[in-house]
N, C-alpha and C. Protein backbone atom coordinates (compact mmCIF):
# COMPACT_ATOMS: atom_id res chain seq x y z
N MET A 1 -165.23 -41.41 -90.45
CA MET A 1 -165.69 -41.43 -91.65
C MET A 1 -165.73 -43.01 -92.30
N LYS A 2 -166.75 -43.04 -93.16
CA LYS A 2 -167.00 -44.47 -93.91
C LYS A 2 -165.70 -44.98 -94.80
N PRO A 3 -165.33 -46.45 -94.70
CA PRO A 3 -164.49 -46.82 -95.39
C PRO A 3 -164.52 -46.31 -97.06
N THR A 4 -165.71 -46.57 -97.37
CA THR A 4 -165.88 -46.09 -98.98
C THR A 4 -165.54 -44.57 -99.10
N HIS A 5 -165.93 -43.46 -97.95
CA HIS A 5 -165.45 -42.34 -98.37
C HIS A 5 -163.88 -42.29 -98.17
N CYS A 6 -163.43 -42.86 -97.42
CA CYS A 6 -161.82 -42.96 -97.31
C CYS A 6 -161.28 -43.26 -98.62
N ALA A 7 -161.75 -44.33 -99.12
CA ALA A 7 -161.39 -44.61 -100.41
C ALA A 7 -161.28 -43.96 -101.55
N TYR A 8 -162.65 -43.10 -101.40
CA TYR A 8 -162.71 -42.04 -102.28
C TYR A 8 -161.75 -40.85 -102.20
N TRP A 9 -161.79 -40.26 -101.09
CA TRP A 9 -160.74 -39.20 -100.94
C TRP A 9 -159.21 -39.69 -101.07
N LEU A 10 -158.82 -40.96 -100.88
CA LEU A 10 -157.58 -41.42 -101.29
C LEU A 10 -157.15 -41.33 -102.76
N MET A 11 -158.13 -41.87 -103.54
CA MET A 11 -158.08 -41.96 -104.95
C MET A 11 -158.15 -40.26 -105.73
N VAL A 12 -158.80 -39.54 -104.78
CA VAL A 12 -158.71 -38.05 -105.39
C VAL A 12 -157.65 -37.49 -105.02
N ALA A 13 -156.76 -37.71 -103.86
CA ALA A 13 -155.36 -37.15 -103.50
C ALA A 13 -154.58 -37.61 -104.22
N VAL A 14 -154.43 -38.82 -104.91
CA VAL A 14 -153.65 -39.55 -105.50
C VAL A 14 -153.73 -38.86 -107.02
N LEU A 15 -154.77 -38.70 -107.45
CA LEU A 15 -154.90 -37.96 -109.02
C LEU A 15 -154.41 -36.70 -108.91
N LEU A 16 -154.87 -36.09 -107.99
CA LEU A 16 -154.52 -34.43 -107.93
C LEU A 16 -152.77 -34.43 -107.89
N ASN A 17 -152.13 -35.20 -107.29
CA ASN A 17 -150.74 -35.17 -107.17
C ASN A 17 -150.12 -35.91 -108.33
N LEU A 18 -150.79 -36.26 -109.42
CA LEU A 18 -150.05 -36.75 -110.46
C LEU A 18 -148.96 -35.67 -111.24
N THR A 19 -149.19 -34.42 -111.31
CA THR A 19 -148.34 -33.48 -111.75
C THR A 19 -147.05 -33.64 -111.03
N SER A 20 -146.71 -34.05 -110.18
CA SER A 20 -145.35 -34.23 -109.09
C SER A 20 -144.84 -35.55 -109.37
N VAL A 21 -145.24 -36.42 -110.03
CA VAL A 21 -144.68 -37.86 -110.00
C VAL A 21 -143.53 -37.88 -111.12
N ALA A 22 -142.60 -38.82 -110.70
CA ALA A 22 -141.47 -39.14 -111.46
C ALA A 22 -141.93 -40.20 -112.59
N ASN A 23 -140.87 -40.17 -113.59
CA ASN A 23 -141.44 -41.04 -114.76
C ASN A 23 -141.36 -42.61 -114.40
N ALA A 24 -142.23 -43.34 -115.33
CA ALA A 24 -142.37 -44.74 -114.97
C ALA A 24 -141.07 -45.47 -115.23
N GLN A 25 -140.54 -46.69 -114.66
CA GLN A 25 -139.60 -47.27 -114.87
C GLN A 25 -139.80 -48.74 -115.20
N ILE A 26 -140.23 -49.01 -116.27
CA ILE A 26 -140.58 -50.36 -116.51
C ILE A 26 -140.00 -51.01 -118.04
N GLU A 27 -138.73 -51.30 -117.50
CA GLU A 27 -137.72 -51.85 -118.51
C GLU A 27 -137.39 -53.24 -118.22
N PRO A 28 -136.65 -53.95 -119.19
CA PRO A 28 -136.54 -55.18 -119.16
C PRO A 28 -135.54 -55.59 -117.71
N GLY A 29 -135.80 -56.61 -117.18
CA GLY A 29 -135.33 -56.91 -115.87
C GLY A 29 -135.86 -56.46 -114.54
N THR A 30 -136.78 -55.54 -114.66
CA THR A 30 -137.55 -54.89 -113.65
C THR A 30 -138.22 -55.93 -112.81
N TYR A 31 -138.41 -56.09 -112.01
CA TYR A 31 -139.52 -57.01 -111.23
C TYR A 31 -140.88 -56.06 -110.74
N LEU A 32 -142.01 -56.79 -110.90
CA LEU A 32 -143.08 -56.09 -110.57
C LEU A 32 -143.60 -56.88 -109.16
N VAL A 33 -144.10 -56.42 -108.15
CA VAL A 33 -144.61 -56.81 -107.04
C VAL A 33 -146.08 -56.24 -106.33
N GLY A 34 -146.88 -56.54 -106.28
CA GLY A 34 -147.96 -55.70 -105.90
C GLY A 34 -149.40 -56.58 -105.71
N THR A 35 -150.58 -55.98 -105.42
CA THR A 35 -151.73 -56.66 -105.32
C THR A 35 -152.83 -55.68 -105.79
N HIS A 36 -153.85 -56.16 -106.04
CA HIS A 36 -155.15 -55.52 -106.33
C HIS A 36 -156.24 -56.04 -105.39
N VAL A 37 -157.26 -55.14 -105.03
CA VAL A 37 -158.27 -55.07 -104.30
C VAL A 37 -159.38 -54.98 -105.11
N GLY A 38 -160.31 -55.90 -105.25
CA GLY A 38 -161.47 -55.95 -105.93
C GLY A 38 -162.84 -55.76 -105.04
N HIS A 39 -163.86 -55.13 -105.68
CA HIS A 39 -165.20 -54.85 -105.06
C HIS A 39 -166.23 -55.00 -105.66
N PHE A 40 -167.40 -55.77 -105.54
CA PHE A 40 -168.42 -55.87 -105.96
C PHE A 40 -169.40 -56.00 -105.22
N THR A 41 -170.82 -55.74 -105.73
CA THR A 41 -171.93 -55.76 -104.88
C THR A 41 -173.01 -56.62 -105.34
N SER A 42 -173.96 -57.18 -104.45
CA SER A 42 -174.95 -57.72 -104.96
C SER A 42 -176.31 -57.25 -104.74
N ASN A 43 -177.68 -57.80 -104.73
CA ASN A 43 -178.66 -57.13 -104.52
C ASN A 43 -178.64 -56.70 -102.97
N ASP A 44 -179.67 -55.60 -102.60
CA ASP A 44 -179.80 -55.00 -101.49
C ASP A 44 -180.68 -55.68 -100.52
N PHE A 45 -181.16 -56.81 -100.73
CA PHE A 45 -182.09 -57.44 -99.83
C PHE A 45 -181.19 -58.66 -99.06
N ARG A 46 -180.12 -58.98 -99.68
CA ARG A 46 -179.40 -59.94 -98.94
C ARG A 46 -177.83 -59.44 -98.78
N PRO A 47 -177.80 -58.90 -97.77
CA PRO A 47 -176.38 -58.14 -97.30
C PRO A 47 -175.21 -59.22 -97.27
N ILE A 48 -173.80 -58.77 -98.34
CA ILE A 48 -173.01 -59.62 -98.40
C ILE A 48 -171.66 -58.97 -98.05
N ARG A 49 -170.93 -59.76 -97.38
CA ARG A 49 -169.53 -59.24 -97.22
C ARG A 49 -168.62 -59.95 -98.18
N THR A 50 -167.66 -59.08 -98.79
CA THR A 50 -166.85 -59.60 -100.01
C THR A 50 -165.25 -59.26 -99.66
N LEU A 51 -164.13 -60.14 -99.86
CA LEU A 51 -163.14 -59.48 -99.97
C LEU A 51 -162.33 -60.12 -101.22
N ASN A 52 -161.82 -59.55 -102.17
CA ASN A 52 -160.99 -59.94 -103.23
C ASN A 52 -159.71 -59.55 -103.29
N LEU A 53 -158.42 -60.15 -103.24
CA LEU A 53 -157.44 -59.81 -103.11
C LEU A 53 -156.65 -60.74 -104.28
N THR A 54 -155.62 -60.05 -105.25
CA THR A 54 -155.01 -60.61 -106.11
C THR A 54 -153.60 -60.24 -106.09
N PRO A 55 -152.65 -60.74 -105.36
CA PRO A 55 -151.03 -60.65 -105.16
C PRO A 55 -150.85 -61.09 -106.55
N ALA A 56 -149.56 -60.21 -107.04
CA ALA A 56 -148.93 -60.75 -108.32
C ALA A 56 -147.57 -60.49 -108.05
N LEU A 57 -146.96 -61.52 -108.86
CA LEU A 57 -145.31 -61.30 -109.10
C LEU A 57 -144.75 -61.35 -110.26
N GLY A 58 -143.95 -60.42 -111.06
CA GLY A 58 -143.98 -60.58 -112.52
C GLY A 58 -142.49 -59.96 -112.75
N ARG A 59 -142.04 -60.23 -114.09
CA ARG A 59 -140.93 -59.61 -114.40
C ARG A 59 -141.11 -58.99 -116.06
N PHE A 60 -140.33 -58.08 -116.35
CA PHE A 60 -140.50 -57.29 -117.47
C PHE A 60 -139.35 -57.99 -118.31
N ILE A 61 -140.00 -58.66 -119.53
CA ILE A 61 -139.18 -59.42 -120.33
C ILE A 61 -138.81 -58.35 -121.72
N ARG A 62 -139.84 -57.53 -121.71
CA ARG A 62 -139.45 -56.32 -122.59
C ARG A 62 -139.88 -55.00 -121.99
N THR A 63 -139.50 -53.88 -122.77
CA THR A 63 -140.20 -52.63 -122.26
C THR A 63 -141.69 -52.67 -122.44
N ASN A 64 -142.33 -52.49 -121.37
CA ASN A 64 -143.77 -52.64 -121.35
C ASN A 64 -144.27 -53.75 -121.06
N LEU A 65 -143.60 -54.99 -121.31
CA LEU A 65 -144.40 -56.27 -121.34
C LEU A 65 -143.86 -57.01 -120.14
N VAL A 66 -144.63 -57.54 -119.32
CA VAL A 66 -144.32 -58.24 -118.19
C VAL A 66 -145.21 -59.67 -118.12
N VAL A 67 -144.31 -60.70 -117.67
CA VAL A 67 -145.22 -61.98 -117.27
C VAL A 67 -144.88 -62.26 -115.87
N GLY A 68 -145.88 -62.86 -115.48
CA GLY A 68 -145.79 -63.29 -113.89
C GLY A 68 -146.84 -64.37 -113.64
N LEU A 69 -147.15 -64.11 -112.37
CA LEU A 69 -147.99 -65.17 -111.28
C LEU A 69 -148.92 -64.26 -110.56
N GLU A 70 -150.13 -64.69 -110.63
CA GLU A 70 -151.10 -64.24 -109.78
C GLU A 70 -151.64 -65.25 -108.64
N LEU A 71 -152.14 -64.83 -107.56
CA LEU A 71 -152.42 -65.64 -106.58
C LEU A 71 -154.06 -64.95 -106.07
N PRO A 72 -155.03 -65.19 -107.06
CA PRO A 72 -156.49 -64.48 -106.46
C PRO A 72 -157.06 -65.28 -105.58
N PHE A 73 -157.53 -64.49 -104.61
CA PHE A 73 -158.01 -64.99 -103.45
C PHE A 73 -159.63 -64.44 -103.35
N GLN A 74 -160.53 -64.95 -102.83
CA GLN A 74 -161.93 -64.47 -102.57
C GLN A 74 -162.60 -64.97 -101.52
N TYR A 75 -163.10 -64.10 -100.79
CA TYR A 75 -163.95 -64.57 -99.65
C TYR A 75 -165.43 -63.97 -99.55
N VAL A 76 -166.32 -64.68 -99.45
CA VAL A 76 -167.66 -63.92 -99.56
C VAL A 76 -168.47 -64.62 -98.23
N TYR A 77 -169.20 -63.85 -97.57
CA TYR A 77 -169.78 -64.23 -96.41
C TYR A 77 -171.54 -63.45 -96.40
N LEU A 78 -172.41 -64.49 -96.21
CA LEU A 78 -173.56 -64.16 -96.22
C LEU A 78 -174.62 -64.70 -94.96
N LYS A 79 -175.28 -63.86 -94.08
CA LYS A 79 -176.21 -64.37 -92.90
C LYS A 79 -177.36 -63.97 -93.35
N ASP A 80 -178.50 -64.91 -93.19
CA ASP A 80 -179.67 -64.37 -93.16
C ASP A 80 -180.59 -64.97 -92.12
N MET A 81 -181.75 -65.13 -92.21
CA MET A 81 -182.53 -65.55 -91.12
C MET A 81 -182.38 -67.15 -90.91
N MET A 82 -181.98 -67.77 -92.03
CA MET A 82 -181.96 -69.21 -91.80
C MET A 82 -180.73 -69.92 -91.84
N TYR A 83 -179.72 -69.14 -92.62
CA TYR A 83 -178.39 -69.76 -92.63
C TYR A 83 -177.23 -68.79 -92.51
N ILE A 84 -176.00 -69.24 -92.34
CA ILE A 84 -174.73 -68.49 -92.66
C ILE A 84 -173.88 -69.27 -93.78
N GLN A 85 -173.74 -68.76 -94.87
CA GLN A 85 -173.21 -69.19 -95.98
C GLN A 85 -171.85 -68.51 -96.32
N SER A 86 -170.77 -69.11 -96.78
CA SER A 86 -169.67 -68.73 -97.14
C SER A 86 -169.00 -69.29 -98.33
N LEU A 87 -168.06 -68.73 -99.24
CA LEU A 87 -167.39 -69.12 -100.20
C LEU A 87 -166.08 -68.72 -100.09
N THR A 88 -165.07 -69.53 -100.13
CA THR A 88 -163.65 -69.20 -100.18
C THR A 88 -163.02 -69.80 -101.60
N THR A 89 -162.46 -68.75 -102.53
CA THR A 89 -161.71 -69.37 -103.69
C THR A 89 -160.36 -69.12 -103.60
N ILE A 90 -159.52 -69.95 -104.13
CA ILE A 90 -158.16 -69.77 -104.14
C ILE A 90 -157.51 -70.45 -105.49
N GLY A 91 -156.80 -69.38 -105.97
CA GLY A 91 -156.34 -69.97 -107.29
C GLY A 91 -154.81 -69.54 -107.48
N VAL A 92 -154.43 -70.26 -108.68
CA VAL A 92 -152.82 -69.92 -109.24
C VAL A 92 -153.17 -69.72 -110.76
N SER A 93 -152.42 -68.44 -111.10
CA SER A 93 -153.06 -67.96 -112.38
C SER A 93 -151.58 -67.27 -112.98
N PRO A 94 -150.95 -67.80 -114.00
CA PRO A 94 -149.94 -67.15 -114.74
C PRO A 94 -150.72 -66.05 -115.53
N PHE A 95 -149.96 -65.02 -115.69
CA PHE A 95 -150.35 -63.71 -116.56
C PHE A 95 -149.46 -63.20 -117.40
N VAL A 96 -150.13 -62.27 -118.63
CA VAL A 96 -149.26 -61.60 -119.14
C VAL A 96 -149.81 -60.37 -119.19
N ARG A 97 -148.91 -58.99 -119.13
CA ARG A 97 -149.52 -57.61 -118.98
C ARG A 97 -148.69 -56.69 -120.00
N TYR A 98 -149.29 -56.02 -120.76
CA TYR A 98 -148.80 -54.99 -121.46
C TYR A 98 -149.22 -53.46 -121.41
N TYR A 99 -148.41 -52.73 -121.01
CA TYR A 99 -148.59 -51.29 -120.88
C TYR A 99 -148.41 -50.63 -122.22
N LEU A 100 -149.23 -49.58 -122.34
CA LEU A 100 -149.40 -48.81 -123.46
C LEU A 100 -149.25 -47.28 -123.42
N GLY A 101 -148.87 -46.78 -124.32
CA GLY A 101 -148.80 -45.37 -124.61
C GLY A 101 -147.33 -44.98 -124.55
N SER A 102 -147.24 -43.69 -124.77
CA SER A 102 -145.58 -43.12 -124.50
C SER A 102 -145.58 -42.33 -123.17
N ASN A 103 -146.72 -41.81 -122.63
CA ASN A 103 -146.64 -41.29 -121.48
C ASN A 103 -145.96 -41.95 -120.28
N GLU A 104 -145.14 -41.26 -119.55
CA GLU A 104 -144.37 -41.91 -118.63
C GLU A 104 -145.11 -42.08 -117.05
N THR A 105 -146.02 -41.26 -116.89
CA THR A 105 -146.44 -41.04 -115.71
C THR A 105 -147.73 -41.65 -115.53
N VAL A 106 -148.46 -41.82 -116.78
CA VAL A 106 -150.16 -42.41 -116.65
C VAL A 106 -149.86 -43.47 -117.98
N LYS A 107 -149.95 -44.65 -117.46
CA LYS A 107 -149.98 -45.74 -118.50
C LYS A 107 -151.14 -46.64 -118.32
N PRO A 108 -152.11 -46.72 -119.51
CA PRO A 108 -152.87 -47.67 -119.45
C PRO A 108 -152.10 -48.89 -119.76
N PHE A 109 -153.11 -50.13 -119.41
CA PHE A 109 -152.29 -51.45 -119.33
C PHE A 109 -153.36 -52.81 -119.77
N GLY A 110 -153.10 -53.76 -120.19
CA GLY A 110 -154.12 -54.71 -120.35
C GLY A 110 -153.38 -56.03 -119.82
N THR A 111 -154.28 -57.08 -119.44
CA THR A 111 -153.89 -58.14 -118.61
C THR A 111 -154.67 -59.37 -119.01
N LEU A 112 -154.07 -60.61 -119.31
CA LEU A 112 -154.68 -61.83 -119.59
C LEU A 112 -154.07 -62.70 -118.77
N SER A 113 -154.83 -63.64 -118.21
CA SER A 113 -154.42 -64.42 -117.19
C SER A 113 -155.28 -66.00 -117.33
N ALA A 114 -154.64 -67.12 -117.09
CA ALA A 114 -155.36 -68.41 -117.04
C ALA A 114 -154.73 -69.12 -116.16
N GLY A 115 -155.62 -69.92 -115.25
CA GLY A 115 -154.83 -70.86 -114.28
C GLY A 115 -156.03 -71.70 -113.39
N TRP A 116 -155.80 -71.94 -112.30
CA TRP A 116 -156.58 -73.12 -111.79
C TRP A 116 -156.99 -72.72 -110.10
N LEU A 117 -158.20 -72.96 -110.11
CA LEU A 117 -158.80 -72.41 -108.86
C LEU A 117 -159.42 -73.63 -108.11
N ILE A 118 -159.80 -73.39 -106.67
CA ILE A 118 -160.26 -74.39 -105.88
C ILE A 118 -161.38 -73.49 -105.03
N ASP A 119 -162.58 -73.98 -105.01
CA ASP A 119 -163.68 -73.58 -104.00
C ASP A 119 -164.14 -74.29 -103.06
N TYR A 120 -164.14 -73.74 -101.82
CA TYR A 120 -164.59 -74.26 -100.70
C TYR A 120 -166.16 -73.61 -100.57
N ASP A 121 -167.03 -74.23 -100.50
CA ASP A 121 -168.48 -73.85 -100.37
C ASP A 121 -169.15 -74.17 -98.96
N ARG A 122 -169.44 -73.15 -97.99
CA ARG A 122 -170.01 -73.88 -96.77
C ARG A 122 -171.27 -73.24 -96.48
N SER A 123 -172.18 -73.96 -96.02
CA SER A 123 -173.61 -73.52 -95.51
C SER A 123 -174.00 -74.01 -94.30
N VAL A 124 -174.27 -73.30 -93.28
CA VAL A 124 -174.71 -73.84 -91.90
C VAL A 124 -176.13 -73.35 -91.56
N GLY A 125 -177.18 -74.20 -90.84
CA GLY A 125 -178.28 -73.77 -90.74
C GLY A 125 -178.26 -73.23 -89.29
N LEU A 126 -179.01 -72.24 -89.25
CA LEU A 126 -179.32 -71.49 -87.78
C LEU A 126 -180.36 -72.06 -86.79
N THR A 127 -180.97 -72.71 -87.41
CA THR A 127 -182.28 -73.21 -86.65
C THR A 127 -182.34 -74.73 -86.77
N ASP A 128 -181.30 -75.57 -87.11
CA ASP A 128 -181.32 -76.85 -87.10
C ASP A 128 -179.77 -77.12 -87.10
N ASN A 129 -179.33 -78.32 -87.24
CA ASN A 129 -178.01 -78.69 -87.14
C ASN A 129 -177.60 -79.28 -88.81
N TYR A 130 -178.01 -78.45 -89.62
CA TYR A 130 -177.63 -78.57 -90.97
C TYR A 130 -176.24 -78.09 -91.11
N GLU A 131 -175.39 -78.79 -91.80
CA GLU A 131 -174.12 -78.12 -92.24
C GLU A 131 -173.52 -78.84 -93.39
N HIS A 132 -173.36 -78.12 -94.54
CA HIS A 132 -172.98 -78.78 -95.94
C HIS A 132 -171.64 -78.03 -96.41
N LEU A 133 -170.74 -78.62 -96.72
CA LEU A 133 -169.47 -78.43 -97.38
C LEU A 133 -169.00 -78.82 -98.63
N LEU A 134 -168.95 -78.06 -99.55
CA LEU A 134 -168.63 -78.75 -101.07
C LEU A 134 -167.40 -77.82 -101.76
N THR A 135 -166.47 -78.79 -102.03
CA THR A 135 -165.49 -78.62 -102.75
C THR A 135 -165.26 -78.74 -104.12
N ASN A 136 -164.73 -77.78 -104.87
CA ASN A 136 -164.81 -78.08 -106.46
C ASN A 136 -163.53 -77.21 -106.70
N SER A 137 -163.32 -77.79 -108.26
CA SER A 137 -161.92 -77.09 -108.63
C SER A 137 -162.28 -76.88 -110.17
N GLY A 138 -161.51 -75.90 -110.95
CA GLY A 138 -161.77 -75.86 -112.27
C GLY A 138 -160.85 -74.93 -112.91
N PHE A 139 -161.01 -74.56 -114.17
CA PHE A 139 -160.00 -73.65 -114.93
C PHE A 139 -160.49 -72.48 -114.63
N LEU A 140 -159.48 -71.30 -114.53
CA LEU A 140 -159.79 -69.94 -114.41
C LEU A 140 -159.11 -69.26 -115.24
N TYR A 141 -159.92 -68.27 -115.95
CA TYR A 141 -159.46 -67.40 -116.82
C TYR A 141 -160.12 -65.92 -116.79
N GLY A 142 -159.14 -64.92 -117.33
CA GLY A 142 -159.64 -63.39 -117.05
C GLY A 142 -159.06 -62.71 -117.80
N ALA A 143 -159.55 -61.22 -117.85
CA ALA A 143 -159.07 -60.23 -118.56
C ALA A 143 -159.24 -58.94 -117.76
N THR A 144 -158.22 -58.16 -117.82
CA THR A 144 -158.18 -56.78 -116.85
C THR A 144 -157.80 -55.80 -117.78
N ALA A 145 -158.47 -54.72 -117.67
CA ALA A 145 -158.13 -53.37 -118.11
C ALA A 145 -157.98 -52.20 -117.45
N GLY A 146 -156.77 -51.28 -117.12
CA GLY A 146 -156.71 -50.71 -116.28
C GLY A 146 -155.98 -49.42 -116.62
N VAL A 147 -155.45 -48.60 -115.69
CA VAL A 147 -154.47 -47.36 -115.54
C VAL A 147 -153.57 -47.48 -114.52
N ALA A 148 -152.55 -47.15 -114.76
CA ALA A 148 -151.26 -47.06 -113.61
C ALA A 148 -150.72 -45.75 -113.71
N PHE A 149 -151.00 -45.08 -112.41
CA PHE A 149 -150.67 -43.69 -112.28
C PHE A 149 -149.25 -43.94 -111.23
N PHE A 150 -148.29 -43.57 -111.82
CA PHE A 150 -146.92 -43.83 -111.18
C PHE A 150 -146.67 -42.54 -110.13
N LEU A 151 -146.52 -42.82 -108.92
CA LEU A 151 -146.23 -41.81 -108.13
C LEU A 151 -144.98 -41.55 -107.74
N ILE A 152 -144.02 -42.56 -107.91
CA ILE A 152 -142.59 -42.49 -108.04
C ILE A 152 -142.31 -43.57 -108.81
N PRO A 153 -140.92 -43.15 -109.43
CA PRO A 153 -140.65 -44.29 -110.40
C PRO A 153 -140.94 -45.71 -110.18
N ALA A 154 -140.73 -45.97 -108.66
CA ALA A 154 -140.82 -47.41 -108.36
C ALA A 154 -142.12 -47.76 -107.72
N VAL A 155 -143.25 -47.04 -107.89
CA VAL A 155 -144.37 -47.48 -107.39
C VAL A 155 -145.66 -46.88 -108.11
N SER A 156 -146.76 -47.32 -108.39
CA SER A 156 -147.97 -47.18 -109.22
C SER A 156 -149.03 -47.39 -108.27
N PHE A 157 -150.09 -46.71 -108.63
CA PHE A 157 -151.47 -46.77 -107.99
C PHE A 157 -152.22 -47.05 -109.25
N ASP A 158 -152.81 -48.27 -109.23
CA ASP A 158 -153.61 -48.59 -110.37
C ASP A 158 -155.20 -48.82 -110.02
N VAL A 159 -155.82 -48.50 -110.97
CA VAL A 159 -157.27 -48.59 -111.15
C VAL A 159 -157.71 -49.58 -112.19
N SER A 160 -158.54 -50.56 -112.02
CA SER A 160 -158.76 -51.49 -113.07
C SER A 160 -160.33 -52.17 -113.12
N ALA A 161 -160.63 -52.72 -114.15
CA ALA A 161 -161.80 -53.40 -114.16
C ALA A 161 -161.27 -54.74 -114.70
N ASN A 162 -161.88 -55.74 -114.09
CA ASN A 162 -161.42 -57.16 -114.32
C ASN A 162 -162.51 -58.04 -114.39
N TYR A 163 -162.55 -59.05 -115.34
CA TYR A 163 -163.59 -59.86 -115.92
C TYR A 163 -163.20 -61.21 -115.50
N THR A 164 -163.61 -62.06 -114.79
CA THR A 164 -162.95 -63.48 -114.46
C THR A 164 -164.06 -64.49 -114.57
N ALA A 165 -163.68 -65.38 -115.13
CA ALA A 165 -164.64 -66.47 -115.15
C ALA A 165 -164.00 -68.16 -114.95
N HIS A 166 -164.55 -69.14 -114.74
CA HIS A 166 -164.19 -70.27 -114.43
C HIS A 166 -164.92 -71.43 -115.05
N SER A 167 -164.46 -72.28 -115.25
CA SER A 167 -165.13 -73.61 -115.91
C SER A 167 -166.13 -74.54 -114.81
N LYS A 168 -165.97 -74.36 -114.02
CA LYS A 168 -166.76 -75.28 -113.00
C LYS A 168 -167.69 -74.19 -112.19
N THR A 169 -169.08 -74.36 -112.15
CA THR A 169 -169.78 -73.81 -111.16
C THR A 169 -170.22 -74.87 -110.17
N ILE A 170 -170.61 -74.16 -109.06
CA ILE A 170 -171.45 -74.96 -107.99
C ILE A 170 -172.69 -74.74 -107.96
N ASN A 171 -173.50 -75.85 -108.21
CA ASN A 171 -175.03 -75.38 -108.26
C ASN A 171 -175.40 -75.83 -106.60
N PHE A 172 -175.13 -74.82 -105.68
CA PHE A 172 -175.45 -74.81 -104.17
C PHE A 172 -176.16 -73.85 -103.81
N LEU A 173 -176.86 -73.97 -102.61
CA LEU A 173 -177.79 -72.86 -102.10
C LEU A 173 -177.15 -71.44 -102.15
N ILE A 174 -175.87 -71.46 -101.67
CA ILE A 174 -175.21 -70.06 -101.36
C ILE A 174 -174.99 -69.39 -103.02
N ARG A 175 -175.37 -69.82 -103.84
CA ARG A 175 -175.14 -69.22 -105.16
C ARG A 175 -176.29 -68.49 -105.73
N GLU A 176 -177.61 -68.70 -104.94
CA GLU A 176 -178.74 -68.23 -105.54
C GLU A 176 -178.84 -66.70 -105.24
N GLY A 177 -179.14 -65.89 -106.30
CA GLY A 177 -179.23 -64.49 -105.71
C GLY A 177 -178.12 -63.65 -105.51
N MET A 178 -176.80 -64.22 -105.84
CA MET A 178 -175.47 -63.73 -105.55
C MET A 178 -174.60 -63.59 -106.81
N ASN A 179 -174.12 -62.52 -107.31
CA ASN A 179 -173.66 -62.34 -108.60
C ASN A 179 -172.31 -63.11 -108.90
N TYR A 180 -171.60 -63.49 -107.99
CA TYR A 180 -170.62 -64.23 -107.97
C TYR A 180 -170.90 -65.71 -108.33
N GLY A 181 -172.04 -66.01 -108.45
CA GLY A 181 -172.38 -67.32 -108.97
C GLY A 181 -172.55 -67.59 -110.44
N SER A 182 -172.40 -66.34 -111.13
CA SER A 182 -172.62 -66.35 -112.53
C SER A 182 -171.46 -66.79 -113.20
N PRO A 183 -171.45 -67.08 -114.39
CA PRO A 183 -170.37 -67.65 -115.14
C PRO A 183 -169.18 -66.78 -115.09
N GLY A 184 -169.47 -65.50 -115.08
CA GLY A 184 -168.40 -64.56 -115.15
C GLY A 184 -168.59 -63.27 -114.16
N VAL A 185 -167.87 -62.41 -113.87
CA VAL A 185 -167.89 -61.44 -113.00
C VAL A 185 -167.07 -60.48 -113.20
N LEU A 186 -167.67 -58.95 -113.50
CA LEU A 186 -166.86 -57.87 -113.77
C LEU A 186 -166.74 -57.34 -112.27
N ARG A 187 -165.37 -56.90 -111.97
CA ARG A 187 -164.96 -56.20 -110.67
C ARG A 187 -164.16 -54.83 -111.17
N ILE A 188 -164.41 -53.92 -110.18
CA ILE A 188 -163.92 -52.70 -110.45
C ILE A 188 -162.81 -53.06 -108.91
N GLY A 189 -161.65 -52.66 -109.34
CA GLY A 189 -160.79 -52.63 -108.38
C GLY A 189 -159.49 -51.60 -108.22
N PHE A 190 -158.84 -51.58 -107.14
CA PHE A 190 -157.44 -50.84 -107.14
C PHE A 190 -156.34 -51.46 -106.48
N GLY A 191 -155.08 -50.90 -106.81
CA GLY A 191 -154.08 -51.70 -106.07
C GLY A 191 -152.81 -50.64 -106.25
N PHE A 192 -151.80 -51.25 -105.52
CA PHE A 192 -150.36 -50.53 -105.65
C PHE A 192 -149.44 -51.63 -106.16
N GLN A 193 -148.58 -51.28 -107.09
CA GLN A 193 -147.57 -52.04 -107.85
C GLN A 193 -146.25 -51.35 -107.61
N VAL A 194 -145.14 -52.22 -106.83
CA VAL A 194 -143.84 -51.80 -106.99
C VAL A 194 -142.83 -52.27 -107.91
N TYR A 195 -142.16 -51.63 -108.55
CA TYR A 195 -141.31 -52.12 -109.50
C TYR A 195 -139.61 -51.98 -108.99
N LEU A 196 -139.17 -53.23 -108.95
CA LEU A 196 -137.85 -53.49 -108.46
C LEU A 196 -136.57 -53.93 -109.59
N GLY A 197 -135.63 -53.26 -109.62
CA GLY A 197 -134.83 -53.52 -110.66
C GLY A 197 -133.56 -52.52 -110.66
N ASN A 198 -132.34 -52.70 -110.91
CA ASN A 198 -131.28 -52.10 -111.30
C ASN A 198 -131.21 -50.99 -109.85
N ASP A 199 -131.33 -49.60 -110.43
CA ASP A 199 -131.25 -48.69 -109.38
C ASP A 199 -132.51 -48.51 -108.85
N LYS A 200 -133.54 -49.05 -109.26
CA LYS A 200 -135.18 -48.63 -108.63
C LYS A 200 -135.25 -49.12 -107.39
N ARG A 201 -134.64 -50.33 -107.06
CA ARG A 201 -134.62 -50.72 -105.59
C ARG A 201 -134.31 -49.54 -104.54
N LYS A 202 -133.07 -48.91 -104.86
CA LYS A 202 -132.74 -47.84 -103.93
C LYS A 202 -133.59 -46.72 -104.06
N ARG A 203 -134.20 -46.25 -105.39
CA ARG A 203 -135.00 -45.23 -105.33
C ARG A 203 -136.49 -45.26 -104.63
N MET A 204 -136.78 -46.61 -104.50
CA MET A 204 -138.06 -46.95 -103.93
C MET A 204 -137.70 -46.95 -102.28
N LEU A 205 -136.72 -47.45 -101.75
CA LEU A 205 -136.37 -47.25 -100.36
C LEU A 205 -136.09 -45.91 -100.01
N ARG A 206 -135.63 -45.01 -100.72
CA ARG A 206 -135.58 -43.50 -100.35
C ARG A 206 -136.86 -43.01 -100.23
N CYS A 207 -137.92 -43.38 -101.26
CA CYS A 207 -139.17 -42.59 -101.02
C CYS A 207 -140.18 -43.46 -100.08
N THR A 208 -139.94 -44.63 -99.58
CA THR A 208 -140.74 -45.43 -98.87
C THR A 208 -140.77 -44.50 -97.34
N TYR A 209 -141.89 -44.37 -96.72
CA TYR A 209 -141.99 -43.96 -95.14
C TYR A 209 -143.22 -44.89 -94.75
């Protein structure tokens, strides 16, 4: 089965089992640990492999309100007839997230973040000895809207849409024809979040396998 099919059926299984989940536990003092996996595509004429991960650690300072730190990571790889090109981006970004509504098993949320990133842009020629590495850094900012589906009190499955932009752009060959070279990129992603605090840690350990 193709990875995209596996991801689709995983999401279907999660959504169909929401009727049996427990209530969300997002109270002051609870810690949030998790990651989001983002995916986006470019044109069909230049095959591109992408990996987007955003690990996060936060703490609820009020009911439904969490502040913390994200570590966004992106790797993009492209191989064509002339070049092998890659981009690696690493960032550090404080964030604020707020969960909406009174439903305890399905909660929409919104996130704002801002921080700093470093780009490593590399191009290698396949027909000559050409190799170029360019490093750049800049201000990173973004916004996320999503929905958290609580599987158990201490674990949620999140589906989100994220818009991220930064103050620096690299005017380099790898950017041509690739949508991550635009000032901002909209990504659709999913992830799991774990909520630790008070007796939630014990509940999570009992439900983990």
